[in-house]
Structures are given as structure tokens and as C-alpha cells.
Amino acid sequence: VDAMRRQPELILLGSAFQYVDKNGNLGRVATLPSWPSLAEALLWGCPFSHPSVMFRREAVLKAGNYRPFFP
């Protein structure tokens, strides 16, 4: 939250995450690319784990919001 407050130009902020299996056992930690490799990572798919991101609502609305399939 502090990073988003300090950097108004920041639209989306992601983080690393840790896999957890169905029994609650912790798995590997996945770290995701950061700039400058982010531009290349976007060519291959979304490099963000959606549950770990924070983004500005205005940017999502400006981009057309979520598809209706995902209310």
C-alpha cells in the first residue's frame, strides 16, 4: 500500500507467492519477473499471480473492466 501511495504512476503491484497443496503443505516460492524483464515476460502470458496483486481501480475501468464472464 505504501508503494502505491508513494508512486501515483504505479498501476499494478505484484508479489512473490508460495504454493500450498490441498493438505496445507507449503511448496516452492515463486518469484515473478520485474522490470526490465517484465516486458519480455508479458509476451509469453501474464507474469502476475492474480491473488497477489494490487492495482488501481481506475486503470481497470479505463481498460474496459473485467470481462462479464468474471463478475
N, C-alpha and C. Protein backbone atom coordinates (compact mmCIF):
# COMPACT_ATOMS: atom_id res chain seq x y z
N VAL A 1 0.84 -1.18 0.00
CA VAL A 1 0.00 0.00 0.00
C VAL A 1 0.89 1.24 0.00
N ASP A 2 1.94 1.20 0.78
CA ASP A 2 2.84 2.35 0.85
C ASP A 2 3.44 2.65 -0.52
N ALA A 3 3.85 1.62 -1.25
CA ALA A 3 4.42 1.84 -2.58
C ALA A 3 3.41 2.48 -3.51
N MET A 4 2.16 2.06 -3.44
CA MET A 4 1.12 2.64 -4.29
C MET A 4 0.87 4.10 -3.92
N ARG A 5 0.93 4.40 -2.65
CA ARG A 5 0.73 5.79 -2.20
C ARG A 5 1.88 6.69 -2.63
N ARG A 6 3.10 6.16 -2.52
CA ARG A 6 4.28 6.96 -2.85
C ARG A 6 4.48 7.14 -4.35
N GLN A 7 3.94 6.22 -5.15
CA GLN A 7 4.17 6.26 -6.60
C GLN A 7 2.84 6.27 -7.35
N PRO A 8 2.25 7.43 -7.55
CA PRO A 8 0.95 7.50 -8.21
C PRO A 8 0.96 6.96 -9.64
N GLU A 9 2.14 6.89 -10.25
CA GLU A 9 2.23 6.35 -11.61
C GLU A 9 2.20 4.81 -11.63
N LEU A 10 2.35 4.20 -10.47
CA LEU A 10 2.33 2.74 -10.36
C LEU A 10 0.90 2.25 -10.52
N ILE A 11 0.66 1.41 -11.51
CA ILE A 11 -0.69 0.94 -11.82
C ILE A 11 -0.96 -0.42 -11.19
N LEU A 12 0.01 -1.30 -11.24
CA LEU A 12 -0.16 -2.66 -10.73
C LEU A 12 1.08 -3.06 -9.94
N LEU A 13 0.87 -3.70 -8.81
CA LEU A 13 1.97 -4.14 -7.97
C LEU A 13 1.75 -5.61 -7.64
N GLY A 14 2.70 -6.44 -7.99
CA GLY A 14 2.59 -7.88 -7.73
C GLY A 14 3.58 -8.31 -6.67
N SER A 15 3.53 -9.57 -6.34
CA SER A 15 4.45 -10.09 -5.34
C SER A 15 4.77 -11.55 -5.65
N ALA A 16 5.74 -12.06 -4.95
CA ALA A 16 6.02 -13.49 -5.00
C ALA A 16 4.90 -14.20 -4.26
N PHE A 17 4.81 -15.51 -4.44
CA PHE A 17 3.80 -16.28 -3.73
C PHE A 17 4.35 -17.67 -3.46
N GLN A 18 3.69 -18.37 -2.56
CA GLN A 18 4.11 -19.72 -2.21
C GLN A 18 2.97 -20.68 -2.49
N TYR A 19 3.30 -21.76 -3.17
CA TYR A 19 2.31 -22.80 -3.45
C TYR A 19 1.96 -23.54 -2.16
N VAL A 20 0.70 -23.93 -2.05
CA VAL A 20 0.22 -24.72 -0.91
C VAL A 20 -0.62 -25.85 -1.49
N ASP A 21 -0.37 -27.09 -1.09
CA ASP A 21 -1.16 -28.19 -1.64
C ASP A 21 -2.48 -28.34 -0.88
N LYS A 22 -3.30 -29.29 -1.32
CA LYS A 22 -4.64 -29.45 -0.74
C LYS A 22 -4.61 -29.83 0.74
N ASN A 23 -3.47 -30.31 1.23
CA ASN A 23 -3.33 -30.66 2.64
C ASN A 23 -2.73 -29.54 3.48
N GLY A 24 -2.45 -28.42 2.84
CA GLY A 24 -1.88 -27.30 3.56
C GLY A 24 -0.36 -27.31 3.65
N ASN A 25 0.27 -28.25 2.94
CA ASN A 25 1.73 -28.31 2.95
C ASN A 25 2.30 -27.23 2.03
N LEU A 26 3.29 -26.52 2.54
CA LEU A 26 3.90 -25.44 1.78
C LEU A 26 4.82 -25.99 0.71
N GLY A 27 4.75 -25.39 -0.47
CA GLY A 27 5.60 -25.78 -1.59
C GLY A 27 6.60 -24.70 -1.90
N ARG A 28 7.02 -24.68 -3.14
CA ARG A 28 8.06 -23.72 -3.54
C ARG A 28 7.52 -22.30 -3.56
N VAL A 29 8.43 -21.37 -3.43
CA VAL A 29 8.10 -19.95 -3.55
C VAL A 29 8.37 -19.55 -4.99
N ALA A 30 7.40 -18.94 -5.61
CA ALA A 30 7.55 -18.47 -6.99
C ALA A 30 7.80 -16.97 -6.98
N THR A 31 8.93 -16.59 -7.53
CA THR A 31 9.21 -15.16 -7.69
C THR A 31 8.95 -14.82 -9.14
N LEU A 32 8.38 -13.68 -9.36
CA LEU A 32 7.97 -13.30 -10.70
C LEU A 32 8.90 -12.24 -11.24
N PRO A 33 8.95 -12.11 -12.57
CA PRO A 33 9.89 -11.14 -13.16
C PRO A 33 9.56 -9.71 -12.76
N SER A 34 10.60 -8.90 -12.74
CA SER A 34 10.43 -7.47 -12.50
C SER A 34 11.13 -6.73 -13.64
N TRP A 35 10.87 -5.47 -13.71
CA TRP A 35 11.45 -4.67 -14.79
C TRP A 35 12.95 -4.77 -14.77
N PRO A 36 13.68 -4.91 -15.87
CA PRO A 36 13.23 -4.76 -17.25
C PRO A 36 12.74 -6.05 -17.91
N SER A 37 12.80 -7.20 -17.27
CA SER A 37 12.37 -8.43 -17.92
C SER A 37 10.85 -8.56 -18.01
N LEU A 38 10.11 -7.67 -17.38
CA LEU A 38 8.66 -7.73 -17.40
C LEU A 38 8.11 -7.62 -18.82
N ALA A 39 8.63 -6.72 -19.62
CA ALA A 39 8.15 -6.54 -20.98
C ALA A 39 8.26 -7.85 -21.77
N GLU A 40 9.37 -8.54 -21.62
CA GLU A 40 9.54 -9.83 -22.30
C GLU A 40 8.60 -10.89 -21.72
N ALA A 41 8.44 -10.90 -20.42
CA ALA A 41 7.56 -11.88 -19.78
C ALA A 41 6.12 -11.73 -20.27
N LEU A 42 5.68 -10.52 -20.53
CA LEU A 42 4.31 -10.29 -21.00
C LEU A 42 4.06 -10.88 -22.38
N LEU A 43 5.12 -11.12 -23.14
CA LEU A 43 4.97 -11.75 -24.45
C LEU A 43 4.51 -13.20 -24.32
N TRP A 44 4.79 -13.84 -23.19
CA TRP A 44 4.52 -15.26 -23.00
C TRP A 44 3.30 -15.53 -22.13
N GLY A 45 2.65 -14.50 -21.65
CA GLY A 45 1.48 -14.68 -20.80
C GLY A 45 1.51 -13.68 -19.66
N CYS A 46 0.65 -13.88 -18.71
CA CYS A 46 0.58 -12.97 -17.58
C CYS A 46 1.57 -13.41 -16.50
N PRO A 47 2.54 -12.58 -16.17
CA PRO A 47 3.55 -12.96 -15.18
C PRO A 47 3.13 -12.65 -13.75
N PHE A 48 1.87 -12.32 -13.54
CA PHE A 48 1.40 -11.98 -12.21
C PHE A 48 0.48 -13.06 -11.67
N SER A 49 0.58 -13.32 -10.39
CA SER A 49 -0.37 -14.20 -9.72
C SER A 49 -1.50 -13.32 -9.23
N HIS A 50 -2.65 -13.44 -9.86
CA HIS A 50 -3.76 -12.52 -9.61
C HIS A 50 -4.06 -12.32 -8.13
N PRO A 51 -4.11 -13.36 -7.29
CA PRO A 51 -4.41 -13.12 -5.88
C PRO A 51 -3.35 -12.30 -5.14
N SER A 52 -2.18 -12.14 -5.76
CA SER A 52 -1.12 -11.40 -5.06
C SER A 52 -0.96 -9.98 -5.57
N VAL A 53 -1.82 -9.51 -6.45
CA VAL A 53 -1.63 -8.18 -7.00
C VAL A 53 -2.55 -7.13 -6.37
N MET A 54 -2.09 -5.92 -6.45
CA MET A 54 -2.88 -4.76 -6.07
C MET A 54 -2.82 -3.84 -7.29
N PHE A 55 -3.96 -3.31 -7.70
CA PHE A 55 -3.96 -2.43 -8.85
C PHE A 55 -4.96 -1.30 -8.65
N ARG A 56 -4.78 -0.28 -9.45
CA ARG A 56 -5.64 0.89 -9.34
C ARG A 56 -6.95 0.63 -10.08
N ARG A 57 -8.04 0.81 -9.37
CA ARG A 57 -9.38 0.57 -9.92
C ARG A 57 -9.62 1.38 -11.19
N GLU A 58 -9.19 2.63 -11.18
CA GLU A 58 -9.40 3.50 -12.34
C GLU A 58 -8.78 2.91 -13.60
N ALA A 59 -7.61 2.30 -13.46
CA ALA A 59 -6.93 1.72 -14.62
C ALA A 59 -7.72 0.54 -15.19
N VAL A 60 -8.30 -0.27 -14.32
CA VAL A 60 -9.10 -1.41 -14.77
C VAL A 60 -10.36 -0.92 -15.48
N LEU A 61 -11.01 0.08 -14.91
CA LEU A 61 -12.22 0.62 -15.54
C LEU A 61 -11.88 1.25 -16.89
N LYS A 62 -10.77 1.96 -16.96
CA LYS A 62 -10.35 2.60 -18.22
C LYS A 62 -10.04 1.55 -19.28
N ALA A 63 -9.53 0.40 -18.87
CA ALA A 63 -9.20 -0.68 -19.80
C ALA A 63 -10.43 -1.48 -20.22
N GLY A 64 -11.60 -1.16 -19.66
CA GLY A 64 -12.81 -1.86 -20.05
C GLY A 64 -13.33 -2.81 -18.99
N ASN A 65 -12.76 -2.73 -17.78
CA ASN A 65 -13.19 -3.58 -16.67
C ASN A 65 -12.87 -5.04 -16.94
N TYR A 66 -13.33 -5.90 -16.06
CA TYR A 66 -13.20 -7.34 -16.26
C TYR A 66 -14.24 -7.79 -17.28
N ARG A 67 -13.94 -8.88 -17.96
CA ARG A 67 -14.93 -9.44 -18.88
C ARG A 67 -16.15 -9.86 -18.09
N PRO A 68 -17.34 -9.76 -18.66
CA PRO A 68 -18.58 -10.11 -17.95
C PRO A 68 -18.58 -11.55 -17.40
N PHE A 69 -17.78 -12.41 -18.00
CA PHE A 69 -17.68 -13.80 -17.55
C PHE A 69 -17.11 -13.88 -16.14
N PHE A 70 -16.37 -12.83 -15.71
CA PHE A 70 -15.72 -12.78 -14.39
C PHE A 70 -16.31 -11.65 -13.56
N PRO A 71 -17.52 -11.80 -13.05
CA PRO A 71 -18.17 -10.67 -12.35
C PRO A 71 -17.45 -10.22 -11.12
